[in-house]
Amino acid sequence: MVTTTANTQNFKVYADLSKLGVGTHRVRIQQEGLNNDLRYRFEPATIKVDIQPRKTVTYPLQVKYNKENIASGYQPGNASADVKNVKITGASDQINRIKTVVAQLNVPQNAKSSLNSQAIIEALDSKQNTVNVVITPATADVTLPITPGNSKELPIKLEPKGITDDNESFTLTSATKRVRVFGTQAQLKKLDAVKVEVDTSDVRTTKTKDVELDSKLNKVKGFDPDRISVKISRNN
């Protein structure tokens, strides 16, 4: 007997599934406890019920996270969880949909240090949709090592960009004199200064700009910091 609705007036509304087997059924809504003198009706009078055999399986747990949130020049290690396998219980058709079981680790933007956090465990189908099953345990403690790659500290070299008149000249200054550069050993070996191109085309007298360091221009993986403030002063 399955009770679907109850209230404080000492009666209940239910659908009797006790004699039903696996499959889809149309079941009549019934009541118990109403006074026989009362007139009543149910809307809807019947409900559709899909009965599936219950199934329990064990799945290996994988750790999932967004690698794009790791800061440029930093490298993630092997993510690990304190749970290796999980028990999953649900209807057979739902169990059969499962493609992977993952612990979803939340990695903050521009992450530069190792993470240890509790992650929610989800069962996903082939289209990465969540499958409606019960997972035990529901969470896992996940550790993700994040370390700097090959790096070295180098001075910056400010260069004006956008000069159209040979008589124009600018003075470029920045409070940031050196930055840490990330890349392969071969990339770092070729570099002795970080080239920073500063657009001067819209400067009439003096202007301060926030300039992003260009990894493609310098042929490396990234910088820390990856933006610097530059003061531009027109000389003539």
Protein backbone atom coordinates (compact mmCIF):
# COMPACT_ATOMS: atom_id res chain seq x y z
CA MET A 1 0.00 0.00 0.00
CA VAL A 2 1.44 3.40 -0.98
CA THR A 3 0.05 6.57 0.62
CA THR A 4 0.27 9.55 -1.71
CA THR A 5 -1.51 12.28 0.27
CA ALA A 6 -2.51 12.78 3.92
CA ASN A 7 -3.93 15.58 6.06
CA THR A 8 -4.76 16.36 9.67
CA GLN A 9 -8.45 15.40 9.34
CA ASN A 10 -7.68 11.70 9.85
CA PHE A 11 -8.22 10.52 6.29
CA LYS A 12 -5.85 9.63 3.49
CA VAL A 13 -5.81 9.37 -0.26
CA TYR A 14 -3.79 6.55 -1.78
CA ALA A 15 -3.04 4.40 -4.81
CA ASP A 16 -2.81 0.67 -4.15
CA LEU A 17 0.23 -0.76 -5.96
CA SER A 18 0.50 -3.94 -3.90
CA LYS A 19 -0.75 -6.28 -6.65
CA LEU A 20 1.01 -4.62 -9.56
CA GLY A 21 4.08 -5.94 -11.31
CA VAL A 22 6.80 -4.35 -13.43
CA GLY A 23 5.51 -2.09 -16.18
CA THR A 24 3.26 0.92 -16.78
CA HIS A 25 -0.13 0.97 -15.07
CA ARG A 26 -3.17 3.24 -14.77
CA VAL A 27 -4.16 3.18 -11.08
CA ARG A 28 -7.39 4.40 -9.47
CA ILE A 29 -7.15 6.90 -6.62
CA GLN A 30 -8.81 5.69 -3.40
CA GLN A 31 -9.55 7.12 0.03
CA GLU A 32 -9.73 5.87 3.56
CA GLY A 33 -11.32 7.58 6.55
CA LEU A 34 -13.84 9.93 4.94
CA ASN A 35 -17.34 10.00 6.41
CA ASN A 36 -19.72 7.92 4.31
CA ASP A 37 -22.21 10.80 4.27
CA LEU A 38 -19.75 13.04 2.41
CA ARG A 39 -19.85 13.37 -1.35
CA TYR A 40 -16.42 13.61 -2.98
CA ARG A 41 -14.51 13.05 -6.17
CA PHE A 42 -10.84 12.94 -7.19
CA GLU A 43 -9.26 15.04 -9.90
CA PRO A 44 -7.62 13.23 -11.59
CA ALA A 45 -9.43 10.02 -10.76
CA THR A 46 -6.48 7.86 -11.87
CA ILE A 47 -2.71 8.25 -12.12
CA LYS A 48 -0.12 6.70 -14.38
CA VAL A 49 2.50 4.65 -12.54
CA ASP A 50 5.69 3.21 -14.01
CA ILE A 51 7.11 0.37 -11.91
CA GLN A 52 10.70 -0.67 -12.54
CA PRO A 53 12.72 -3.37 -10.80
CA ARG A 54 15.09 -1.88 -8.24
CA LYS A 55 18.75 -2.39 -8.96
CA THR A 56 21.97 -1.71 -7.05
CA VAL A 57 25.37 -1.51 -8.74
CA THR A 58 28.89 -0.31 -7.93
CA TYR A 59 30.69 2.25 -10.10
CA PRO A 60 34.25 3.64 -9.99
CA LEU A 61 34.44 7.35 -9.15
CA GLN A 62 36.16 9.87 -11.41
CA VAL A 63 37.07 13.47 -10.52
CA LYS A 64 35.90 16.17 -12.91
CA TYR A 65 36.92 19.86 -12.93
CA ASN A 66 37.34 22.79 -15.32
CA LYS A 67 41.00 22.95 -16.37
CA GLU A 68 40.46 26.37 -17.96
CA ASN A 69 40.11 27.88 -14.47
CA ILE A 70 43.73 27.04 -13.62
CA ALA A 71 46.01 30.08 -13.97
CA SER A 72 48.20 30.36 -17.03
CA GLY A 73 51.61 28.81 -16.43
CA TYR A 74 50.38 26.53 -13.64
CA GLN A 75 49.95 22.79 -13.96
CA PRO A 76 47.34 20.50 -12.35
CA GLY A 77 48.51 17.20 -10.91
CA ASN A 78 46.50 14.01 -10.59
CA ALA A 79 43.20 14.68 -8.82
CA SER A 80 42.33 12.13 -6.13
CA ALA A 81 39.29 11.42 -3.95
CA ASP A 82 38.87 9.66 -0.62
CA VAL A 83 36.19 7.51 -2.30
CA LYS A 84 37.20 5.03 -4.99
CA ASN A 85 33.85 3.36 -5.69
CA VAL A 86 30.23 4.31 -5.02
CA LYS A 87 27.03 2.29 -4.63
CA ILE A 88 24.16 3.34 -6.88
CA THR A 89 20.53 2.31 -6.41
CA GLY A 90 17.63 3.06 -8.73
CA ALA A 91 15.26 1.82 -11.40
CA SER A 92 16.83 -0.49 -13.97
CA ASP A 93 16.18 1.89 -16.86
CA GLN A 94 17.95 4.70 -14.98
CA ILE A 95 20.89 2.51 -13.98
CA ASN A 96 21.31 1.46 -17.61
CA ARG A 97 21.63 5.13 -18.67
CA ILE A 98 24.73 5.74 -16.54
CA LYS A 99 27.90 6.42 -18.50
CA THR A 100 30.17 7.83 -15.78
CA VAL A 101 30.06 8.71 -12.09
CA VAL A 102 31.98 11.86 -11.22
CA ALA A 103 32.86 14.07 -8.27
CA GLN A 104 32.41 17.64 -9.53
CA LEU A 105 35.24 19.73 -8.04
CA ASN A 106 34.71 23.50 -8.07
CA VAL A 107 37.95 25.20 -9.20
CA PRO A 108 37.95 29.00 -8.77
CA GLN A 109 39.02 31.26 -11.63
CA ASN A 110 42.78 31.76 -11.98
CA ALA A 111 43.62 29.06 -9.40
CA LYS A 112 47.31 29.03 -8.46
CA SER A 113 47.42 26.75 -5.42
CA SER A 114 46.40 23.19 -4.60
CA LEU A 115 42.77 22.53 -3.67
CA ASN A 116 41.14 20.25 -1.13
CA SER A 117 37.37 20.40 -1.10
CA GLN A 118 34.18 18.38 -0.72
CA ALA A 119 32.64 17.59 -4.10
CA ILE A 120 29.12 16.44 -4.99
CA ILE A 121 28.97 13.03 -6.70
CA GLU A 122 26.78 12.74 -9.81
CA ALA A 123 25.84 9.95 -12.20
CA LEU A 124 25.89 11.17 -15.81
CA ASP A 125 24.59 9.71 -19.05
CA SER A 126 26.29 9.84 -22.46
CA LYS A 127 25.03 13.42 -22.99
CA GLN A 128 26.32 14.57 -19.58
CA ASN A 129 22.79 14.78 -18.14
CA THR A 130 22.27 13.84 -14.49
CA VAL A 131 20.67 10.42 -13.96
CA ASN A 132 17.96 10.11 -11.29
CA VAL A 133 19.47 7.56 -8.87
CA VAL A 134 20.54 7.36 -5.23
CA ILE A 135 24.33 7.49 -4.75
CA THR A 136 26.12 6.36 -1.59
CA PRO A 137 28.12 8.25 -0.46
CA ALA A 138 26.72 11.49 -1.93
CA THR A 139 29.96 13.49 -1.61
CA ALA A 140 33.72 12.92 -1.66
CA ASP A 141 36.75 14.83 -0.38
CA VAL A 142 38.83 15.70 -3.45
CA THR A 143 42.44 16.90 -3.64
CA LEU A 144 43.88 18.60 -6.73
CA PRO A 145 47.58 19.57 -6.70
CA ILE A 146 48.33 22.80 -8.60
CA THR A 147 51.95 23.86 -9.02
CA PRO A 148 53.90 26.38 -11.12
CA GLY A 149 55.41 25.04 -14.31
CA ASN A 150 58.91 25.95 -15.51
CA SER A 151 59.40 29.63 -14.82
CA LYS A 152 61.88 32.46 -14.36
CA GLU A 153 61.68 36.13 -13.46
CA LEU A 154 62.50 38.60 -16.24
CA PRO A 155 62.48 42.38 -16.73
CA ILE A 156 59.81 43.98 -18.90
CA LYS A 157 60.58 45.91 -22.07
CA LEU A 158 57.96 48.57 -22.87
CA GLU A 159 57.51 49.45 -26.55
CA PRO A 160 55.07 51.98 -28.08
CA LYS A 161 52.62 50.68 -30.66
CA GLY A 162 50.46 52.62 -33.10
CA ILE A 163 52.85 55.49 -33.95
CA THR A 164 51.99 56.83 -37.42
CA ASP A 165 54.25 59.90 -37.44
CA ASP A 166 58.04 59.54 -37.28
CA ASN A 167 58.17 62.77 -35.27
CA GLU A 168 56.04 61.30 -32.47
CA SER A 169 57.72 59.96 -29.34
CA PHE A 170 56.46 58.71 -25.98
CA THR A 171 57.85 57.91 -22.57
CA LEU A 172 56.51 54.66 -21.10
CA THR A 173 56.85 53.85 -17.40
CA SER A 174 55.48 51.17 -15.08
CA ALA A 175 55.77 50.46 -11.37
CA THR A 176 56.14 46.79 -12.35
CA LYS A 177 59.73 46.19 -13.40
CA ARG A 178 59.86 42.38 -13.50
CA VAL A 179 57.34 39.55 -13.97
CA ARG A 180 57.45 35.77 -13.63
CA VAL A 181 57.33 33.99 -16.99
CA PHE A 182 56.03 30.43 -17.48
CA GLY A 183 56.90 28.13 -20.35
CA THR A 184 58.96 25.17 -21.46
CA GLN A 185 62.66 25.14 -20.71
CA ALA A 186 63.38 25.81 -24.38
CA GLN A 187 60.99 28.80 -24.46
CA LEU A 188 62.45 30.34 -21.31
CA LYS A 189 66.02 29.86 -22.50
CA LYS A 190 65.37 32.03 -25.58
CA LEU A 191 63.87 34.92 -23.60
CA ASP A 192 65.84 37.57 -21.69
CA ALA A 193 63.10 40.22 -21.38
CA VAL A 194 59.31 40.38 -21.71
CA LYS A 195 58.21 42.51 -24.63
CA VAL A 196 55.16 44.65 -23.77
CA GLU A 197 53.54 46.55 -26.64
CA VAL A 198 51.59 49.62 -25.49
CA ASP A 199 49.05 51.27 -27.80
CA THR A 200 49.79 55.01 -27.92
CA SER A 201 47.47 55.91 -30.81
CA ASP A 202 44.87 57.61 -28.57
CA VAL A 203 47.27 59.45 -26.23
CA ARG A 204 47.29 63.25 -26.62
CA THR A 205 49.21 64.24 -23.47
CA THR A 206 49.38 61.70 -20.64
CA LYS A 207 47.40 58.54 -20.04
CA THR A 208 47.60 55.42 -17.86
CA LYS A 209 46.57 52.06 -19.30
CA ASP A 210 46.09 48.54 -17.97
CA VAL A 211 48.06 46.40 -20.44
CA GLU A 212 47.74 42.63 -20.83
CA LEU A 213 51.02 40.77 -21.36
CA ASP A 214 50.99 38.86 -24.65
CA SER A 215 52.11 35.23 -24.35
CA LYS A 216 51.94 34.70 -28.14
CA LEU A 217 54.14 37.73 -28.78
CA ASN A 218 56.76 36.41 -26.35
CA LYS A 219 56.19 32.74 -27.32
CA VAL A 220 55.65 31.49 -23.76
CA LYS A 221 52.75 30.00 -21.76
CA GLY A 222 51.94 32.87 -19.41
CA PHE A 223 52.94 35.47 -16.82
CA ASP A 224 52.40 36.40 -13.20
CA PRO A 225 51.11 39.06 -13.05
CA ASP A 226 49.54 38.86 -16.50
CA ARG A 227 48.56 42.57 -16.60
CA ILE A 228 50.52 45.69 -15.68
CA SER A 229 49.71 49.39 -15.37
CA VAL A 230 51.65 51.61 -17.80
CA LYS A 231 51.87 55.42 -17.79
CA ILE A 232 52.18 56.93 -21.27
CA SER A 233 53.46 60.49 -21.73
CA ARG A 234 53.71 62.24 -25.10
CA ASN A 235 57.07 63.96 -25.57
CA ASN A 236 56.09 66.37 -28.36
